[in-house]
Amino acid sequence: MSLEAPNAKHVVVDGETYEVPREPDAYRPTTHFGQRVRERVPSSHRDRIIRECFETGVCRGTAPPSSVDRPGVAFQTFEFEARILIGNSSRAFSLVVGVVRDAFRGDAKHRALTIYEPEEPNL
């Protein structure tokens, strides 16, 4: 995505500005994420809900950047919130991710941390 993409959030790594990735393949799910998906997301819609959160959800920063610079450690978290049509009704889902410096520097992946249905969606 270009820096002009709508709803883009940015991070600075090594003096360079990057967008928070919106491609599901840029993330590796944590064990916690897998557990929450099984508990909170209807099984027949899991792939679609996760993909729509990433690709079309509203991106919000949930934590300020930290000084953590260990390999594989998320240094900032973001939330992708989307309203998704399931049958005849829509439900809001929030997918929380952590961006990892090494994922911007090379072949590492960011972290998919959790997913939930917000009590008071911001959409």
PDB file of N, CA and C in Angstrom:
ATOM      1  N   MET A   1       0.833  -1.191   0.000  1.00  0.00           N
ATOM      2  CA  MET A   1       0.000   0.000   0.000  1.00  0.00           C
ATOM      3  C   MET A   1       0.867   1.240   0.000  1.00  0.00           C
ATOM      4  N   SER A   2       0.373   2.247  -0.610  1.00  0.00           N
ATOM      5  CA  SER A   2       1.105   3.506  -0.617  1.00  0.00           C
ATOM      6  C   SER A   2       0.838   4.258   0.671  1.00  0.00           C
ATOM      7  N   LEU A   3       1.655   5.262   0.933  1.00  0.00           N
ATOM      8  CA  LEU A   3       1.448   6.065   2.120  1.00  0.00           C
ATOM      9  C   LEU A   3       0.176   6.900   2.015  1.00  0.00           C
ATOM     10  N   GLU A   4      -0.448   6.940   0.860  1.00  0.00           N
ATOM     11  CA  GLU A   4      -1.674   7.706   0.668  1.00  0.00           C
ATOM     12  C   GLU A   4      -2.924   6.858   0.882  1.00  0.00           C
ATOM     13  N   ALA A   5      -2.778   5.597   1.261  1.00  0.00           N
ATOM     14  CA  ALA A   5      -3.937   4.728   1.433  1.00  0.00           C
ATOM     15  C   ALA A   5      -4.846   5.256   2.531  1.00  0.00           C
ATOM     16  N   PRO A   6      -6.153   5.180   2.322  1.00  0.00           N
ATOM     17  CA  PRO A   6      -7.074   5.655   3.354  1.00  0.00           C
ATOM     18  C   PRO A   6      -6.975   4.790   4.597  1.00  0.00           C
ATOM     19  N   ASN A   7      -7.175   5.409   5.750  1.00  0.00           N
ATOM     20  CA  ASN A   7      -7.228   4.677   7.006  1.00  0.00           C
ATOM     21  C   ASN A   7      -5.901   4.002   7.348  1.00  0.00           C
ATOM     22  N   ALA A   8      -4.801   4.458   6.826  1.00  0.00           N
ATOM     23  CA  ALA A   8      -3.514   3.833   7.091  1.00  0.00           C
ATOM     24  C   ALA A   8      -2.918   4.383   8.378  1.00  0.00           C
ATOM     25  N   LYS A   9      -2.335   3.516   9.149  1.00  0.00           N
ATOM     26  CA  LYS A   9      -1.589   3.912  10.335  1.00  0.00           C
ATOM     27  C   LYS A   9      -0.125   3.619  10.029  1.00  0.00           C
ATOM     28  N   HIS A  10       0.749   4.406  10.620  1.00  0.00           N
ATOM     29  CA  HIS A  10       2.162   4.297  10.298  1.00  0.00           C
ATOM     30  C   HIS A  10       2.999   4.050  11.540  1.00  0.00           C
ATOM     31  N   VAL A  11       4.129   3.419  11.321  1.00  0.00           N
ATOM     32  CA  VAL A  11       5.131   3.219  12.363  1.00  0.00           C
ATOM     33  C   VAL A  11       6.480   3.636  11.792  1.00  0.00           C
ATOM     34  N   VAL A  12       7.383   4.009  12.663  1.00  0.00           N
ATOM     35  CA  VAL A  12       8.734   4.384  12.239  1.00  0.00           C
ATOM     36  C   VAL A  12       9.695   3.339  12.779  1.00  0.00           C
ATOM     37  N   VAL A  13      10.454   2.756  11.862  1.00  0.00           N
ATOM     38  CA  VAL A  13      11.449   1.737  12.206  1.00  0.00           C
ATOM     39  C   VAL A  13      12.760   2.135  11.543  1.00  0.00           C
ATOM     40  N   ASP A  14      13.800   2.275  12.337  1.00  0.00           N
ATOM     41  CA  ASP A  14      15.116   2.645  11.814  1.00  0.00           C
ATOM     42  C   ASP A  14      15.045   3.920  10.970  1.00  0.00           C
ATOM     43  N   GLY A  15      14.208   4.874  11.377  1.00  0.00           N
ATOM     44  CA  GLY A  15      14.090   6.139  10.671  1.00  0.00           C
ATOM     45  C   GLY A  15      13.216   6.101   9.434  1.00  0.00           C
ATOM     46  N   GLU A  16      12.703   4.954   9.062  1.00  0.00           N
ATOM     47  CA  GLU A  16      11.839   4.805   7.889  1.00  0.00           C
ATOM     48  C   GLU A  16      10.387   4.673   8.343  1.00  0.00           C
ATOM     49  N   THR A  17       9.462   5.255   7.577  1.00  0.00           N
ATOM     50  CA  THR A  17       8.040   5.173   7.884  1.00  0.00           C
ATOM     51  C   THR A  17       7.406   4.040   7.085  1.00  0.00           C
ATOM     52  N   TYR A  18       6.654   3.206   7.780  1.00  0.00           N
ATOM     53  CA  TYR A  18       5.963   2.072   7.168  1.00  0.00           C
ATOM     54  C   TYR A  18       4.497   2.099   7.566  1.00  0.00           C
ATOM     55  N   GLU A  19       3.644   1.593   6.679  1.00  0.00           N
ATOM     56  CA  GLU A  19       2.254   1.397   7.028  1.00  0.00           C
ATOM     57  C   GLU A  19       2.122   0.103   7.811  1.00  0.00           C
ATOM     58  N   VAL A  20       1.138   0.063   8.692  1.00  0.00           N
ATOM     59  CA  VAL A  20       0.812  -1.183   9.367  1.00  0.00           C
ATOM     60  C   VAL A  20       0.258  -2.114   8.280  1.00  0.00           C
ATOM     61  N   PRO A  21       0.843  -3.293   8.099  1.00  0.00           N
ATOM     62  CA  PRO A  21       0.410  -4.181   7.019  1.00  0.00           C
ATOM     63  C   PRO A  21      -1.045  -4.602   7.169  1.00  0.00           C
ATOM     64  N   ARG A  22      -1.728  -4.684   6.048  1.00  0.00           N
ATOM     65  CA  ARG A  22      -3.127  -5.100   6.042  1.00  0.00           C
ATOM     66  C   ARG A  22      -3.298  -6.463   5.367  1.00  0.00           C
ATOM     67  N   GLU A  23      -2.204  -7.101   5.015  1.00  0.00           N
ATOM     68  CA  GLU A  23      -2.271  -8.417   4.397  1.00  0.00           C
ATOM     69  C   GLU A  23      -2.198  -9.479   5.495  1.00  0.00           C
ATOM     70  N   PRO A  24      -3.180 -10.391   5.560  1.00  0.00           N
ATOM     71  CA  PRO A  24      -3.157 -11.422   6.596  1.00  0.00           C
ATOM     72  C   PRO A  24      -1.864 -12.238   6.608  1.00  0.00           C
ATOM     73  N   ASP A  25      -1.258 -12.440   5.447  1.00  0.00           N
ATOM     74  CA  ASP A  25      -0.035 -13.240   5.374  1.00  0.00           C
ATOM     75  C   ASP A  25       1.166 -12.568   6.037  1.00  0.00           C
ATOM     76  N   ALA A  26       1.059 -11.299   6.379  1.00  0.00           N
ATOM     77  CA  ALA A  26       2.157 -10.596   7.052  1.00  0.00           C
ATOM     78  C   ALA A  26       2.198 -10.914   8.548  1.00  0.00           C
ATOM     79  N   TYR A  27       1.222 -11.694   9.028  1.00  0.00           N
ATOM     80  CA  TYR A  27       1.092 -11.965  10.460  1.00  0.00           C
ATOM     81  C   TYR A  27       1.174 -13.455  10.756  1.00  0.00           C
ATOM     82  N   ARG A  28       1.733 -13.750  11.916  1.00  0.00           N
ATOM     83  CA  ARG A  28       1.750 -15.116  12.428  1.00  0.00           C
ATOM     84  C   ARG A  28       0.846 -15.127  13.658  1.00  0.00           C
ATOM     85  N   PRO A  29      -0.143 -16.023  13.699  1.00  0.00           N
ATOM     86  CA  PRO A  29      -1.036 -16.052  14.851  1.00  0.00           C
ATOM     87  C   PRO A  29      -0.328 -16.593  16.094  1.00  0.00           C
ATOM     88  N   THR A  30      -0.583 -15.967  17.215  1.00  0.00           N
ATOM     89  CA  THR A  30      -0.090 -16.487  18.480  1.00  0.00           C
ATOM     90  C   THR A  30      -1.024 -17.618  18.919  1.00  0.00           C
ATOM     91  N   THR A  31      -0.598 -18.402  19.898  1.00  0.00           N
ATOM     92  CA  THR A  31      -1.456 -19.448  20.447  1.00  0.00           C
ATOM     93  C   THR A  31      -2.731 -18.833  21.003  1.00  0.00           C
ATOM     94  N   HIS A  32      -2.594 -17.715  21.690  1.00  0.00           N
ATOM     95  CA  HIS A  32      -3.747 -17.007  22.253  1.00  0.00           C
ATOM     96  C   HIS A  32      -4.739 -16.638  21.152  1.00  0.00           C
ATOM     97  N   PHE A  33      -4.233 -16.143  20.028  1.00  0.00           N
ATOM     98  CA  PHE A  33      -5.102 -15.757  18.916  1.00  0.00           C
ATOM     99  C   PHE A  33      -5.913 -16.958  18.440  1.00  0.00           C
ATOM    100  N   GLY A  34      -5.262 -18.080  18.227  1.00  0.00           N
ATOM    101  CA  GLY A  34      -5.959 -19.285  17.775  1.00  0.00           C
ATOM    102  C   GLY A  34      -7.049 -19.706  18.743  1.00  0.00           C
ATOM    103  N   GLN A  35      -6.767 -19.626  20.034  1.00  0.00           N
ATOM    104  CA  GLN A  35      -7.761 -19.981  21.038  1.00  0.00           C
ATOM    105  C   GLN A  35      -8.955 -19.038  20.987  1.00  0.00           C
ATOM    106  N   ARG A  36      -8.695 -17.735  20.863  1.00  0.00           N
ATOM    107  CA  ARG A  36      -9.781 -16.756  20.842  1.00  0.00           C
ATOM    108  C   ARG A  36     -10.618 -16.870  19.571  1.00  0.00           C
ATOM    109  N   VAL A  37      -9.987 -17.184  18.450  1.00  0.00           N
ATOM    110  CA  VAL A  37     -10.737 -17.381  17.207  1.00  0.00           C
ATOM    111  C   VAL A  37     -11.722 -18.538  17.398  1.00  0.00           C
ATOM    112  N   ARG A  38     -11.246 -19.652  17.948  1.00  0.00           N
ATOM    113  CA  ARG A  38     -12.127 -20.811  18.152  1.00  0.00           C
ATOM    114  C   ARG A  38     -13.273 -20.485  19.110  1.00  0.00           C
ATOM    115  N   GLU A  39     -13.014 -19.667  20.118  1.00  0.00           N
ATOM    116  CA  GLU A  39     -14.036 -19.330  21.115  1.00  0.00           C
ATOM    117  C   GLU A  39     -15.017 -18.270  20.640  1.00  0.00           C
ATOM    118  N   ARG A  40     -14.573 -17.325  19.818  1.00  0.00           N
ATOM    119  CA  ARG A  40     -15.349 -16.109  19.580  1.00  0.00           C
ATOM    120  C   ARG A  40     -15.847 -15.887  18.161  1.00  0.00           C
ATOM    121  N   VAL A  41     -15.343 -16.649  17.206  1.00  0.00           N
ATOM    122  CA  VAL A  41     -15.688 -16.396  15.805  1.00  0.00           C
ATOM    123  C   VAL A  41     -16.411 -17.619  15.242  1.00  0.00           C
ATOM    124  N   PRO A  42     -17.589 -17.418  14.625  1.00  0.00           N
ATOM    125  CA  PRO A  42     -18.316 -18.556  14.053  1.00  0.00           C
ATOM    126  C   PRO A  42     -17.437 -19.325  13.073  1.00  0.00           C
ATOM    127  N   SER A  43     -17.377 -20.644  13.245  1.00  0.00           N
ATOM    128  CA  SER A  43     -16.443 -21.466  12.469  1.00  0.00           C
ATOM    129  C   SER A  43     -16.634 -21.338  10.964  1.00  0.00           C
ATOM    130  N   SER A  44     -17.863 -21.235  10.497  1.00  0.00           N
ATOM    131  CA  SER A  44     -18.090 -21.178   9.050  1.00  0.00           C
ATOM    132  C   SER A  44     -17.694 -19.842   8.436  1.00  0.00           C
ATOM    133  N   HIS A  45     -17.366 -18.854   9.265  1.00  0.00           N
ATOM    134  CA  HIS A  45     -17.026 -17.523   8.752  1.00  0.00           C
ATOM    135  C   HIS A  45     -15.623 -17.053   9.173  1.00  0.00           C
ATOM    136  N   ARG A  46     -14.843 -17.903   9.808  1.00  0.00           N
ATOM    137  CA  ARG A  46     -13.561 -17.477  10.387  1.00  0.00           C
ATOM    138  C   ARG A  46     -12.627 -16.833   9.376  1.00  0.00           C
ATOM    139  N   ASP A  47     -12.362 -17.525   8.293  1.00  0.00           N
ATOM    140  CA  ASP A  47     -11.407 -16.982   7.315  1.00  0.00           C
ATOM    141  C   ASP A  47     -11.869 -15.634   6.783  1.00  0.00           C
ATOM    142  N   ARG A  48     -13.148 -15.529   6.452  1.00  0.00           N
ATOM    143  CA  ARG A  48     -13.688 -14.283   5.899  1.00  0.00           C
ATOM    144  C   ARG A  48     -13.644 -13.156   6.922  1.00  0.00           C
ATOM    145  N   ILE A  49     -14.002 -13.426   8.154  1.00  0.00           N
ATOM    146  CA  ILE A  49     -14.012 -12.390   9.189  1.00  0.00           C
ATOM    147  C   ILE A  49     -12.599 -11.873   9.433  1.00  0.00           C
ATOM    148  N   ILE A  50     -11.648 -12.768   9.569  1.00  0.00           N
ATOM    149  CA  ILE A  50     -10.258 -12.356   9.806  1.00  0.00           C
ATOM    150  C   ILE A  50      -9.739 -11.554   8.621  1.00  0.00           C
ATOM    151  N   ARG A  51      -9.981 -12.036   7.416  1.00  0.00           N
ATOM    152  CA  ARG A  51      -9.514 -11.334   6.213  1.00  0.00           C
ATOM    153  C   ARG A  51     -10.153  -9.953   6.108  1.00  0.00           C
ATOM    154  N   GLU A  52     -11.457  -9.837   6.339  1.00  0.00           N
ATOM    155  CA  GLU A  52     -12.128  -8.534   6.237  1.00  0.00           C
ATOM    156  C   GLU A  52     -11.644  -7.567   7.311  1.00  0.00           C
ATOM    157  N   CYS A  53     -11.371  -8.061   8.504  1.00  0.00           N
ATOM    158  CA  CYS A  53     -10.819  -7.174   9.549  1.00  0.00           C
ATOM    159  C   CYS A  53      -9.500  -6.581   9.067  1.00  0.00           C
ATOM    160  N   PHE A  54      -8.614  -7.425   8.562  1.00  0.00           N
ATOM    161  CA  PHE A  54      -7.328  -6.941   8.067  1.00  0.00           C
ATOM    162  C   PHE A  54      -7.488  -5.978   6.900  1.00  0.00           C
ATOM    163  N   GLU A  55      -8.231  -6.381   5.896  1.00  0.00           N
ATOM    164  CA  GLU A  55      -8.248  -5.657   4.620  1.00  0.00           C
ATOM    165  C   GLU A  55      -9.142  -4.425   4.613  1.00  0.00           C
ATOM    166  N   THR A  56     -10.255  -4.438   5.344  1.00  0.00           N
ATOM    167  CA  THR A  56     -11.194  -3.320   5.265  1.00  0.00           C
ATOM    168  C   THR A  56     -11.505  -2.685   6.609  1.00  0.00           C
ATOM    169  N   GLY A  57     -11.010  -3.272   7.696  1.00  0.00           N
ATOM    170  CA  GLY A  57     -11.324  -2.738   9.018  1.00  0.00           C
ATOM    171  C   GLY A  57     -10.697  -1.377   9.273  1.00  0.00           C
ATOM    172  N   VAL A  58     -11.315  -0.642  10.187  1.00  0.00           N
ATOM    173  CA  VAL A  58     -10.764   0.640  10.610  1.00  0.00           C
ATOM    174  C   VAL A  58      -9.555   0.343  11.493  1.00  0.00           C
ATOM    175  N   CYS A  59      -8.425   0.929  11.156  1.00  0.00           N
ATOM    176  CA  CYS A  59      -7.183   0.687  11.900  1.00  0.00           C
ATOM    177  C   CYS A  59      -6.996   1.781  12.944  1.00  0.00           C
ATOM    178  N   ARG A  60      -6.805   1.347  14.196  1.00  0.00           N
ATOM    179  CA  ARG A  60      -6.565   2.285  15.292  1.00  0.00           C
ATOM    180  C   ARG A  60      -5.354   1.820  16.088  1.00  0.00           C
ATOM    181  N   GLY A  61      -4.549   2.762  16.504  1.00  0.00           N
ATOM    182  CA  GLY A  61      -3.449   2.424  17.401  1.00  0.00           C
ATOM    183  C   GLY A  61      -3.996   2.154  18.790  1.00  0.00           C
ATOM    184  N   THR A  62      -3.530   1.100  19.430  1.00  0.00           N
ATOM    185  CA  THR A  62      -4.007   0.775  20.772  1.00  0.00           C
ATOM    186  C   THR A  62      -2.937   0.945  21.827  1.00  0.00           C
ATOM    187  N   ALA A  63      -1.697   1.093  21.407  1.00  0.00           N
ATOM    188  CA  ALA A  63      -0.606   1.288  22.353  1.00  0.00           C
ATOM    189  C   ALA A  63       0.443   2.176  21.704  1.00  0.00           C
ATOM    190  N   PRO A  64       1.059   3.060  22.485  1.00  0.00           N
ATOM    191  CA  PRO A  64       2.132   3.887  21.916  1.00  0.00           C
ATOM    192  C   PRO A  64       3.369   3.041  21.640  1.00  0.00           C
ATOM    193  N   PRO A  65       4.248   3.510  20.765  1.00  0.00           N
ATOM    194  CA  PRO A  65       5.482   2.772  20.511  1.00  0.00           C
ATOM    195  C   PRO A  65       6.277   2.602  21.799  1.00  0.00           C
ATOM    196  N   SER A  66       6.921   1.485  21.915  1.00  0.00           N
ATOM    197  CA  SER A  66       7.774   1.250  23.083  1.00  0.00           C
ATOM    198  C   SER A  66       9.225   1.144  22.628  1.00  0.00           C
ATOM    199  N   SER A  67      10.105   1.067  23.576  1.00  0.00           N
ATOM    200  CA  SER A  67      11.530   0.980  23.239  1.00  0.00           C
ATOM    201  C   SER A  67      11.997  -0.467  23.111  1.00  0.00           C
ATOM    202  N   VAL A  68      11.082  -1.413  23.135  1.00  0.00           N
ATOM    203  CA  VAL A  68      11.450  -2.821  23.033  1.00  0.00           C
ATOM    204  C   VAL A  68      12.057  -3.072  21.655  1.00  0.00           C
ATOM    205  N   ASP A  69      13.206  -3.688  21.621  1.00  0.00           N
ATOM    206  CA  ASP A  69      13.856  -3.976  20.346  1.00  0.00           C
ATOM    207  C   ASP A  69      14.483  -5.365  20.384  1.00  0.00           C
ATOM    208  N   ARG A  70      13.721  -6.316  20.913  1.00  0.00           N
ATOM    209  CA  ARG A  70      14.181  -7.703  20.912  1.00  0.00           C
ATOM    210  C   ARG A  70      13.547  -8.420  19.725  1.00  0.00           C
ATOM    211  N   PRO A  71      14.249  -9.338  19.108  1.00  0.00           N
ATOM    212  CA  PRO A  71      13.694 -10.050  17.952  1.00  0.00           C
ATOM    213  C   PRO A  71      12.365 -10.709  18.289  1.00  0.00           C
ATOM    214  N   GLY A  72      11.385 -10.496  17.427  1.00  0.00           N
ATOM    215  CA  GLY A  72      10.100 -11.149  17.579  1.00  0.00           C
ATOM    216  C   GLY A  72       9.150 -10.525  18.573  1.00  0.00           C
ATOM    217  N   VAL A  73       9.548  -9.430  19.210  1.00  0.00           N
ATOM    218  CA  VAL A  73       8.695  -8.792  20.209  1.00  0.00           C
ATOM    219  C   VAL A  73       7.936  -7.635  19.571  1.00  0.00           C
ATOM    220  N   ALA A  74       6.629  -7.621  19.784  1.00  0.00           N
ATOM    221  CA  ALA A  74       5.807  -6.526  19.258  1.00  0.00           C
ATOM    222  C   ALA A  74       6.135  -5.255  20.019  1.00  0.00           C
ATOM    223  N   PHE A  75       6.379  -4.176  19.283  1.00  0.00           N
ATOM    224  CA  PHE A  75       6.714  -2.910  19.933  1.00  0.00           C
ATOM    225  C   PHE A  75       5.561  -1.924  19.920  1.00  0.00           C
ATOM    226  N   GLN A  76       4.486  -2.244  19.191  1.00  0.00           N
ATOM    227  CA  GLN A  76       3.306  -1.392  19.173  1.00  0.00           C
ATOM    228  C   GLN A  76       2.125  -2.250  18.736  1.00  0.00           C
ATOM    229  N   THR A  77       0.929  -1.970  19.283  1.00  0.00           N
ATOM    230  CA  THR A  77      -0.249  -2.734  18.889  1.00  0.00           C
ATOM    231  C   THR A  77      -1.253  -1.847  18.167  1.00  0.00           C
ATOM    232  N   PHE A  78      -2.015  -2.490  17.278  1.00  0.00           N
ATOM    233  CA  PHE A  78      -3.056  -1.839  16.500  1.00  0.00           C
ATOM    234  C   PHE A  78      -4.281  -2.737  16.495  1.00  0.00           C
ATOM    235  N   GLU A  79      -5.419  -2.127  16.208  1.00  0.00           N
ATOM    236  CA  GLU A  79      -6.672  -2.859  16.165  1.00  0.00           C
ATOM    237  C   GLU A  79      -7.352  -2.582  14.828  1.00  0.00           C
ATOM    238  N   PHE A  80      -7.805  -3.645  14.173  1.00  0.00           N
ATOM    239  CA  PHE A  80      -8.581  -3.540  12.941  1.00  0.00           C
ATOM    240  C   PHE A  80     -10.022  -3.897  13.297  1.00  0.00           C
ATOM    241  N   GLU A  81     -10.917  -2.926  13.225  1.00  0.00           N
ATOM    242  CA  GLU A  81     -12.317  -3.172  13.573  1.00  0.00           C
ATOM    243  C   GLU A  81     -13.177  -3.113  12.319  1.00  0.00           C
ATOM    244  N   ALA A  82     -14.011  -4.144  12.142  1.00  0.00           N
ATOM    245  CA  ALA A  82     -14.871  -4.209  10.957  1.00  0.00           C
ATOM    246  C   ALA A  82     -16.258  -4.705  11.341  1.00  0.00           C
ATOM    247  N   ARG A  83     -17.245  -4.194  10.635  1.00  0.00           N
ATOM    248  CA  ARG A  83     -18.613  -4.682  10.774  1.00  0.00           C
ATOM    249  C   ARG A  83     -18.826  -5.643   9.616  1.00  0.00           C
ATOM    250  N   ILE A  84     -19.234  -6.869   9.942  1.00  0.00           N
ATOM    251  CA  ILE A  84     -19.289  -7.928   8.943  1.00  0.00           C
ATOM    252  C   ILE A  84     -20.684  -8.531   8.901  1.00  0.00           C
ATOM    253  N   LEU A  85     -21.214  -8.680   7.700  1.00  0.00           N
ATOM    254  CA  LEU A  85     -22.531  -9.254   7.506  1.00  0.00           C
ATOM    255  C   LEU A  85     -22.449 -10.770   7.634  1.00  0.00           C
ATOM    256  N   ILE A  86     -23.239 -11.301   8.552  1.00  0.00           N
ATOM    257  CA  ILE A  86     -23.326 -12.749   8.750  1.00  0.00           C
ATOM    258  C   ILE A  86     -24.807 -13.082   8.702  1.00  0.00           C
ATOM    259  N   GLY A  87     -25.219 -13.753   7.641  1.00  0.00           N
ATOM    260  CA  GLY A  87     -26.646 -14.005   7.452  1.00  0.00           C
ATOM    261  C   GLY A  87     -27.362 -12.690   7.205  1.00  0.00           C
ATOM    262  N   ASN A  88     -28.399 -12.427   8.000  1.00  0.00           N
ATOM    263  CA  ASN A  88     -29.181 -11.201   7.835  1.00  0.00           C
ATOM    264  C   ASN A  88     -28.805 -10.115   8.826  1.00  0.00           C
ATOM    265  N   SER A  89     -27.750 -10.329   9.594  1.00  0.00           N
ATOM    266  CA  SER A  89     -27.354  -9.305  10.567  1.00  0.00           C
ATOM    267  C   SER A  89     -25.862  -9.032  10.453  1.00  0.00           C
ATOM    268  N   SER A  90     -25.473  -7.900  10.999  1.00  0.00           N
ATOM    269  CA  SER A  90     -24.045  -7.578  10.988  1.00  0.00           C
ATOM    270  C   SER A  90     -23.516  -7.622  12.416  1.00  0.00           C
ATOM    271  N   ARG A  91     -22.253  -8.009  12.519  1.00  0.00           N
ATOM    272  CA  ARG A  91     -21.573  -8.068  13.809  1.00  0.00           C
ATOM    273  C   ARG A  91     -20.232  -7.376  13.668  1.00  0.00           C
ATOM    274  N   ALA A  92     -19.842  -6.689  14.719  1.00  0.00           N
ATOM    275  CA  ALA A  92     -18.537  -6.022  14.718  1.00  0.00           C
ATOM    276  C   ALA A  92     -17.500  -6.943  15.350  1.00  0.00           C
ATOM    277  N   PHE A  93     -16.318  -6.966  14.752  1.00  0.00           N
ATOM    278  CA  PHE A  93     -15.189  -7.723  15.282  1.00  0.00           C
ATOM    279  C   PHE A  93     -13.975  -6.809  15.329  1.00  0.00           C
ATOM    280  N   SER A  94     -13.174  -6.967  16.368  1.00  0.00           N
ATOM    281  CA  SER A  94     -11.911  -6.238  16.500  1.00  0.00           C
ATOM    282  C   SER A  94     -10.780  -7.246  16.562  1.00  0.00           C
ATOM    283  N   LEU A  95      -9.820  -7.081  15.665  1.00  0.00           N
ATOM    284  CA  LEU A  95      -8.656  -7.949  15.589  1.00  0.00           C
ATOM    285  C   LEU A  95      -7.450  -7.132  16.037  1.00  0.00           C
ATOM    286  N   VAL A  96      -6.751  -7.598  17.060  1.00  0.00           N
ATOM    287  CA  VAL A  96      -5.617  -6.865  17.625  1.00  0.00           C
ATOM    288  C   VAL A  96      -4.323  -7.517  17.148  1.00  0.00           C
ATOM    289  N   VAL A  97      -3.415  -6.684  16.647  1.00  0.00           N
ATOM    290  CA  VAL A  97      -2.130  -7.167  16.142  1.00  0.00           C
ATOM    291  C   VAL A  97      -0.991  -6.408  16.811  1.00  0.00           C
ATOM    292  N   GLY A  98       0.163  -7.018  16.806  1.00  0.00           N
ATOM    293  CA  GLY A  98       1.377  -6.363  17.278  1.00  0.00           C
ATOM    294  C   GLY A  98       2.381  -6.305  16.143  1.00  0.00           C
ATOM    295  N   VAL A  99       2.929  -5.114  15.896  1.00  0.00           N
ATOM    296  CA  VAL A  99       3.945  -5.005  14.845  1.00  0.00           C
ATOM    297  C   VAL A  99       5.320  -5.268  15.445  1.00  0.00           C
ATOM    298  N   VAL A 100       6.148  -5.943  14.658  1.00  0.00           N
ATOM    299  CA  VAL A 100       7.472  -6.407  15.078  1.00  0.00           C
ATOM    300  C   VAL A 100       8.516  -5.741  14.193  1.00  0.00           C
ATOM    301  N   ARG A 101       9.516  -5.127  14.782  1.00  0.00           N
ATOM    302  CA  ARG A 101      10.553  -4.443  13.989  1.00  0.00           C
ATOM    303  C   ARG A 101      11.204  -5.356  12.956  1.00  0.00           C
ATOM    304  N   ASP A 102      11.532  -6.575  13.355  1.00  0.00           N
ATOM    305  CA  ASP A 102      12.201  -7.486  12.425  1.00  0.00           C
ATOM    306  C   ASP A 102      11.343  -7.824  11.212  1.00  0.00           C
ATOM    307  N   ALA A 103      10.029  -7.695  11.325  1.00  0.00           N
ATOM    308  CA  ALA A 103       9.159  -7.957  10.174  1.00  0.00           C
ATOM    309  C   ALA A 103       9.287  -6.851   9.130  1.00  0.00           C
ATOM    310  N   PHE A 104       9.630  -5.643   9.546  1.00  0.00           N
ATOM    311  CA  PHE A 104       9.864  -4.558   8.593  1.00  0.00           C
ATOM    312  C   PHE A 104      11.281  -4.643   8.030  1.00  0.00           C
ATOM    313  N   ARG A 105      12.181  -5.256   8.761  1.00  0.00           N
ATOM    314  CA  ARG A 105      13.587  -5.337   8.359  1.00  0.00           C
ATOM    315  C   ARG A 105      13.895  -6.537   7.469  1.00  0.00           C
ATOM    316  N   GLY A 106      13.047  -7.575   7.544  1.00  0.00           N
ATOM    317  CA  GLY A 106      13.384  -8.789   6.801  1.00  0.00           C
ATOM    318  C   GLY A 106      12.210  -9.731   6.648  1.00  0.00           C
ATOM    319  N   ASP A 107      12.461 -11.008   6.900  1.00  0.00           N
ATOM    320  CA  ASP A 107      11.471 -12.046   6.625  1.00  0.00           C
ATOM    321  C   ASP A 107      10.623 -12.445   7.825  1.00  0.00           C
ATOM    322  N   ALA A 108      10.750 -11.802   8.948  1.00  0.00           N
ATOM    323  CA  ALA A 108       9.945 -12.143  10.126  1.00  0.00           C
ATOM    324  C   ALA A 108       8.494 -11.750   9.875  1.00  0.00           C
ATOM    325  N   LYS A 109       7.621 -12.170  10.769  1.00  0.00           N
ATOM    326  CA  LYS A 109       6.198 -11.831  10.652  1.00  0.00           C
ATOM    327  C   LYS A 109       5.758 -11.049  11.875  1.00  0.00           C
ATOM    328  N   HIS A 110       4.743 -10.214  11.669  1.00  0.00           N
ATOM    329  CA  HIS A 110       4.104  -9.515  12.778  1.00  0.00           C
ATOM    330  C   HIS A 110       3.250 -10.532  13.527  1.00  0.00           C
ATOM    331  N   ARG A 111       2.579 -10.115  14.606  1.00  0.00           N
ATOM    332  CA  ARG A 111       1.807 -11.042  15.431  1.00  0.00           C
ATOM    333  C   ARG A 111       0.316 -10.697  15.402  1.00  0.00           C
ATOM    334  N   ALA A 112      -0.508 -11.708  15.165  1.00  0.00           N
ATOM    335  CA  ALA A 112      -1.953 -11.584  15.369  1.00  0.00           C
ATOM    336  C   ALA A 112      -2.180 -12.002  16.817  1.00  0.00           C
ATOM    337  N   LEU A 113      -2.694 -11.087  17.649  1.00  0.00           N
ATOM    338  CA  LEU A 113      -2.736 -11.304  19.092  1.00  0.00           C
ATOM    339  C   LEU A 113      -4.072 -11.806  19.623  1.00  0.00           C
ATOM    340  N   THR A 114      -5.168 -11.179  19.214  1.00  0.00           N
ATOM    341  CA  THR A 114      -6.480 -11.607  19.709  1.00  0.00           C
ATOM    342  C   THR A 114      -7.570 -11.050  18.814  1.00  0.00           C
ATOM    343  N   ILE A 115      -8.772 -11.567  18.994  1.00  0.00           N
ATOM    344  CA  ILE A 115      -9.949 -11.095  18.276  1.00  0.00           C
ATOM    345  C   ILE A 115     -11.124 -11.150  19.237  1.00  0.00           C
ATOM    346  N   TYR A 116     -12.022 -10.184  19.121  1.00  0.00           N
ATOM    347  CA  TYR A 116     -13.184 -10.149  20.003  1.00  0.00           C
ATOM    348  C   TYR A 116     -14.285  -9.318  19.364  1.00  0.00           C
ATOM    349  N   GLU A 117     -15.490  -9.428  19.936  1.00  0.00           N
ATOM    350  CA  GLU A 117     -16.620  -8.593  19.519  1.00  0.00           C
ATOM    351  C   GLU A 117     -16.737  -7.468  20.544  1.00  0.00           C
ATOM    352  N   PRO A 118     -16.472  -6.233  20.141  1.00  0.00           N
ATOM    353  CA  PRO A 118     -16.536  -5.124  21.092  1.00  0.00           C
ATOM    354  C   PRO A 118     -17.965  -4.891  21.571  1.00  0.00           C
ATOM    355  N   GLU A 119     -18.100  -4.584  22.865  1.00  0.00           N
ATOM    356  CA  GLU A 119     -19.420  -4.304  23.426  1.00  0.00           C
ATOM    357  C   GLU A 119     -20.008  -3.034  22.823  1.00  0.00           C
ATOM    358  N   GLU A 120     -19.161  -2.049  22.590  1.00  0.00           N
ATOM    359  CA  GLU A 120     -19.586  -0.797  21.977  1.00  0.00           C
ATOM    360  C   GLU A 120     -18.703  -0.505  20.774  1.00  0.00           C
ATOM    361  N   PRO A 121     -19.063  -1.055  19.604  1.00  0.00           N
ATOM    362  CA  PRO A 121     -18.244  -0.837  18.415  1.00  0.00           C
ATOM    363  C   PRO A 121     -18.096   0.646  18.087  1.00  0.00           C
ATOM    364  N   ASN A 122     -16.969   0.990  17.510  1.00  0.00           N
ATOM    365  CA  ASN A 122     -16.696   2.368  17.093  1.00  0.00           C
ATOM    366  C   ASN A 122     -17.024   2.592  15.631  1.00  0.00           C
ATOM    367  N   LEU A 123     -17.825   1.729  15.064  1.00  0.00           N
ATOM    368  CA  LEU A 123     -18.163   1.844  13.634  1.00  0.00           C
ATOM    369  C   LEU A 123     -19.565   2.364  13.475  1.00  0.00           C
TER     370      LEU A 123
END
